[in-house]
Amino acid sequence: MPRSRGHLLTTPPSEVDAALVALGYNLRTARVRRNLTLVQMAEALGVSREVLGEAEKGKASTSIAVYAGLLWRLGMIEQLGELARPDRDEEGQRLASFREPKRARPAGGPLDDDF
C-alpha cells in the first residue's frame, strides 16, 4: 500500500530523508560561505528563521518553495532545473524504447521493387 502524503512528511523513506538532509547541509554550507545569517536569509525570503533552520536540517515538511528560494538567494537556482532531466533518466528512456514502434526498413531508405 502506498504511503499517504502525511506519512511521507513525517517519516519519509530513508533515501528521501538522506537526500533532504544532504540538501539542507549543502544549502547551509553555501549560506555560511557567503557570510549570511539565518536572520538575513529569512528577511530576504520573507520567511521565519525557524523555517530556514528546518530547511537546513532537511525537514521533509519544508515547502519546496523554501528550498527554491534558498537556491535563488544563493545564486544557485539553475541547479534546481537540472533535477529530474528527461535526458538523464536512463530507466525512463529504456522503458520508453520498448514502446517505440520498430521500423521494417531504415527511414528514408530506397524502396526496392525487385521481387
C-alpha atoms as a PDB file:
ATOM      1  CA  MET A   1       0.000   0.000   0.000  1.00  0.00           C
ATOM      2  CA  PRO A   2       1.446   3.423  -0.948  1.00  0.00           C
ATOM      3  CA  ARG A   3       2.328   5.822   1.823  1.00  0.00           C
ATOM      4  CA  SER A   4      -0.027   8.711   2.432  1.00  0.00           C
ATOM      5  CA  ARG A   5       1.123  12.303   1.965  1.00  0.00           C
ATOM      6  CA  GLY A   6       1.103  12.870   5.728  1.00  0.00           C
ATOM      7  CA  HIS A   7       3.256   9.817   6.326  1.00  0.00           C
ATOM      8  CA  LEU A   8       5.750  10.985   3.705  1.00  0.00           C
ATOM      9  CA  LEU A   9       6.130  14.290   5.528  1.00  0.00           C
ATOM     10  CA  THR A  10       6.560  12.766   8.985  1.00  0.00           C
ATOM     11  CA  THR A  11       8.555   9.611   8.239  1.00  0.00           C
ATOM     12  CA  PRO A  12       9.887   9.653   4.677  1.00  0.00           C
ATOM     13  CA  PRO A  13      11.718   6.661   3.201  1.00  0.00           C
ATOM     14  CA  SER A  14      15.337   6.610   4.331  1.00  0.00           C
ATOM     15  CA  GLU A  15      16.620   7.531   0.858  1.00  0.00           C
ATOM     16  CA  VAL A  16      14.358  10.602   0.770  1.00  0.00           C
ATOM     17  CA  ASP A  17      15.349  11.585   4.295  1.00  0.00           C
ATOM     18  CA  ALA A  18      19.057  11.261   3.495  1.00  0.00           C
ATOM     19  CA  ALA A  19      18.703  13.331   0.308  1.00  0.00           C
ATOM     20  CA  LEU A  20      16.846  16.106   2.154  1.00  0.00           C
ATOM     21  CA  VAL A  21      19.411  16.159   4.964  1.00  0.00           C
ATOM     22  CA  ALA A  22      22.212  16.401   2.384  1.00  0.00           C
ATOM     23  CA  LEU A  23      20.400  19.212   0.553  1.00  0.00           C
ATOM     24  CA  GLY A  24      19.879  21.111   3.804  1.00  0.00           C
ATOM     25  CA  TYR A  25      23.527  20.676   4.755  1.00  0.00           C
ATOM     26  CA  ASN A  26      24.650  21.878   1.315  1.00  0.00           C
ATOM     27  CA  LEU A  27      22.398  24.935   1.498  1.00  0.00           C
ATOM     28  CA  ARG A  28      23.655  25.779   4.987  1.00  0.00           C
ATOM     29  CA  THR A  29      27.265  25.458   3.803  1.00  0.00           C
ATOM     30  CA  ALA A  30      26.557  27.800   0.876  1.00  0.00           C
ATOM     31  CA  ARG A  31      24.882  30.331   3.193  1.00  0.00           C
ATOM     32  CA  VAL A  32      27.743  30.259   5.713  1.00  0.00           C
ATOM     33  CA  ARG A  33      30.343  30.618   2.953  1.00  0.00           C
ATOM     34  CA  ARG A  34      28.548  33.783   1.863  1.00  0.00           C
ATOM     35  CA  ASN A  35      28.659  35.041   5.460  1.00  0.00           C
ATOM     36  CA  LEU A  36      24.853  35.302   5.637  1.00  0.00           C
ATOM     37  CA  THR A  37      22.975  34.695   8.866  1.00  0.00           C
ATOM     38  CA  LEU A  38      19.697  32.820   9.140  1.00  0.00           C
ATOM     39  CA  VAL A  39      18.016  36.111  10.030  1.00  0.00           C
ATOM     40  CA  GLN A  40      19.390  37.863   6.934  1.00  0.00           C
ATOM     41  CA  MET A  41      18.324  34.997   4.692  1.00  0.00           C
ATOM     42  CA  ALA A  42      14.886  34.785   6.305  1.00  0.00           C
ATOM     43  CA  GLU A  43      14.313  38.505   5.799  1.00  0.00           C
ATOM     44  CA  ALA A  44      15.405  38.277   2.163  1.00  0.00           C
ATOM     45  CA  LEU A  45      12.954  35.433   1.529  1.00  0.00           C
ATOM     46  CA  GLY A  46      10.125  36.661   3.741  1.00  0.00           C
ATOM     47  CA  VAL A  47      10.011  33.576   5.944  1.00  0.00           C
ATOM     48  CA  SER A  48      10.870  32.912   9.571  1.00  0.00           C
ATOM     49  CA  ARG A  49      14.297  31.955  10.844  1.00  0.00           C
ATOM     50  CA  GLU A  50      12.751  28.737  12.153  1.00  0.00           C
ATOM     51  CA  VAL A  51      11.553  27.738   8.673  1.00  0.00           C
ATOM     52  CA  LEU A  52      15.047  28.203   7.263  1.00  0.00           C
ATOM     53  CA  GLY A  53      16.540  26.259  10.142  1.00  0.00           C
ATOM     54  CA  GLU A  54      14.187  23.379   9.367  1.00  0.00           C
ATOM     55  CA  ALA A  55      15.152  23.509   5.681  1.00  0.00           C
ATOM     56  CA  GLU A  56      18.826  23.380   6.586  1.00  0.00           C
ATOM     57  CA  LYS A  57      18.112  20.308   8.717  1.00  0.00           C
ATOM     58  CA  GLY A  58      16.335  18.667   5.784  1.00  0.00           C
ATOM     59  CA  LYS A  59      12.892  18.532   7.381  1.00  0.00           C
ATOM     60  CA  ALA A  60      10.554  16.780   4.939  1.00  0.00           C
ATOM     61  CA  SER A  61       7.589  19.059   5.576  1.00  0.00           C
ATOM     62  CA  THR A  62       9.506  22.152   4.438  1.00  0.00           C
ATOM     63  CA  SER A  63       7.966  23.588   1.279  1.00  0.00           C
ATOM     64  CA  ILE A  64       9.808  23.125  -1.993  1.00  0.00           C
ATOM     65  CA  ALA A  65       9.352  26.889  -2.411  1.00  0.00           C
ATOM     66  CA  VAL A  66      11.619  27.470   0.588  1.00  0.00           C
ATOM     67  CA  TYR A  67      14.333  25.282  -0.927  1.00  0.00           C
ATOM     68  CA  ALA A  68      13.888  27.050  -4.284  1.00  0.00           C
ATOM     69  CA  GLY A  69      14.049  30.437  -2.569  1.00  0.00           C
ATOM     70  CA  LEU A  70      17.269  29.483  -0.823  1.00  0.00           C
ATOM     71  CA  LEU A  71      18.797  28.346  -4.102  1.00  0.00           C
ATOM     72  CA  TRP A  72      17.689  31.596  -5.761  1.00  0.00           C
ATOM     73  CA  ARG A  73      19.064  33.814  -2.996  1.00  0.00           C
ATOM     74  CA  LEU A  74      22.344  31.916  -3.029  1.00  0.00           C
ATOM     75  CA  GLY A  75      22.675  32.314  -6.810  1.00  0.00           C
ATOM     76  CA  MET A  76      22.243  28.583  -7.393  1.00  0.00           C
ATOM     77  CA  ILE A  77      18.701  28.438  -8.821  1.00  0.00           C
ATOM     78  CA  GLU A  78      19.849  26.966 -12.149  1.00  0.00           C
ATOM     79  CA  GLN A  79      20.713  23.772 -10.272  1.00  0.00           C
ATOM     80  CA  LEU A  80      17.035  23.229  -9.484  1.00  0.00           C
ATOM     81  CA  GLY A  81      16.256  22.993 -13.186  1.00  0.00           C
ATOM     82  CA  GLU A  82      18.810  20.210 -13.514  1.00  0.00           C
ATOM     83  CA  LEU A  83      16.777  17.880 -11.302  1.00  0.00           C
ATOM     84  CA  ALA A  84      14.945  15.015 -12.998  1.00  0.00           C
ATOM     85  CA  ARG A  85      16.017  15.998 -16.512  1.00  0.00           C
ATOM     86  CA  PRO A  86      14.447  13.597 -19.021  1.00  0.00           C
ATOM     87  CA  ASP A  87      17.716  13.230 -20.938  1.00  0.00           C
ATOM     88  CA  ARG A  88      19.350  11.870 -17.770  1.00  0.00           C
ATOM     89  CA  ASP A  89      16.523   9.461 -16.931  1.00  0.00           C
ATOM     90  CA  GLU A  90      18.147   6.232 -18.083  1.00  0.00           C
ATOM     91  CA  GLU A  91      15.413   3.977 -16.690  1.00  0.00           C
ATOM     92  CA  GLY A  92      12.639   6.045 -18.289  1.00  0.00           C
ATOM     93  CA  GLN A  93      14.445   6.122 -21.624  1.00  0.00           C
ATOM     94  CA  ARG A  94      14.958   2.360 -21.518  1.00  0.00           C
ATOM     95  CA  LEU A  95      11.278   1.736 -20.775  1.00  0.00           C
ATOM     96  CA  ALA A  96      10.165   4.162 -23.490  1.00  0.00           C
ATOM     97  CA  SER A  97      12.361   2.420 -26.049  1.00  0.00           C
ATOM     98  CA  PHE A  98      10.342  -0.769 -25.588  1.00  0.00           C
ATOM     99  CA  ARG A  99       7.164   1.091 -26.593  1.00  0.00           C
ATOM    100  CA  GLU A 100       8.604   2.711 -29.708  1.00  0.00           C
ATOM    101  CA  PRO A 101       7.491   1.153 -32.995  1.00  0.00           C
ATOM    102  CA  LYS A 102      10.122  -0.879 -34.757  1.00  0.00           C
ATOM    103  CA  ARG A 103      10.792   0.074 -38.377  1.00  0.00           C
ATOM    104  CA  ALA A 104      10.861  -2.636 -41.034  1.00  0.00           C
ATOM    105  CA  ARG A 105      13.395  -0.671 -43.078  1.00  0.00           C
ATOM    106  CA  PRO A 106      15.680   2.251 -42.377  1.00  0.00           C
ATOM    107  CA  ALA A 107      13.995   5.623 -42.567  1.00  0.00           C
ATOM    108  CA  GLY A 108      14.500   7.317 -45.933  1.00  0.00           C
ATOM    109  CA  GLY A 109      15.950   4.191 -47.495  1.00  0.00           C
ATOM    110  CA  PRO A 110      15.148   3.467 -51.143  1.00  0.00           C
ATOM    111  CA  LEU A 111      12.234   1.203 -51.952  1.00  0.00           C
ATOM    112  CA  ASP A 112      13.162  -1.889 -53.894  1.00  0.00           C
ATOM    113  CA  ASP A 113      10.591  -3.204 -56.348  1.00  0.00           C
ATOM    114  CA  ASP A 114      12.736  -6.170 -57.312  1.00  0.00           C
ATOM    115  CA  PHE A 115      10.601  -9.178 -56.314  1.00  0.00           C
END
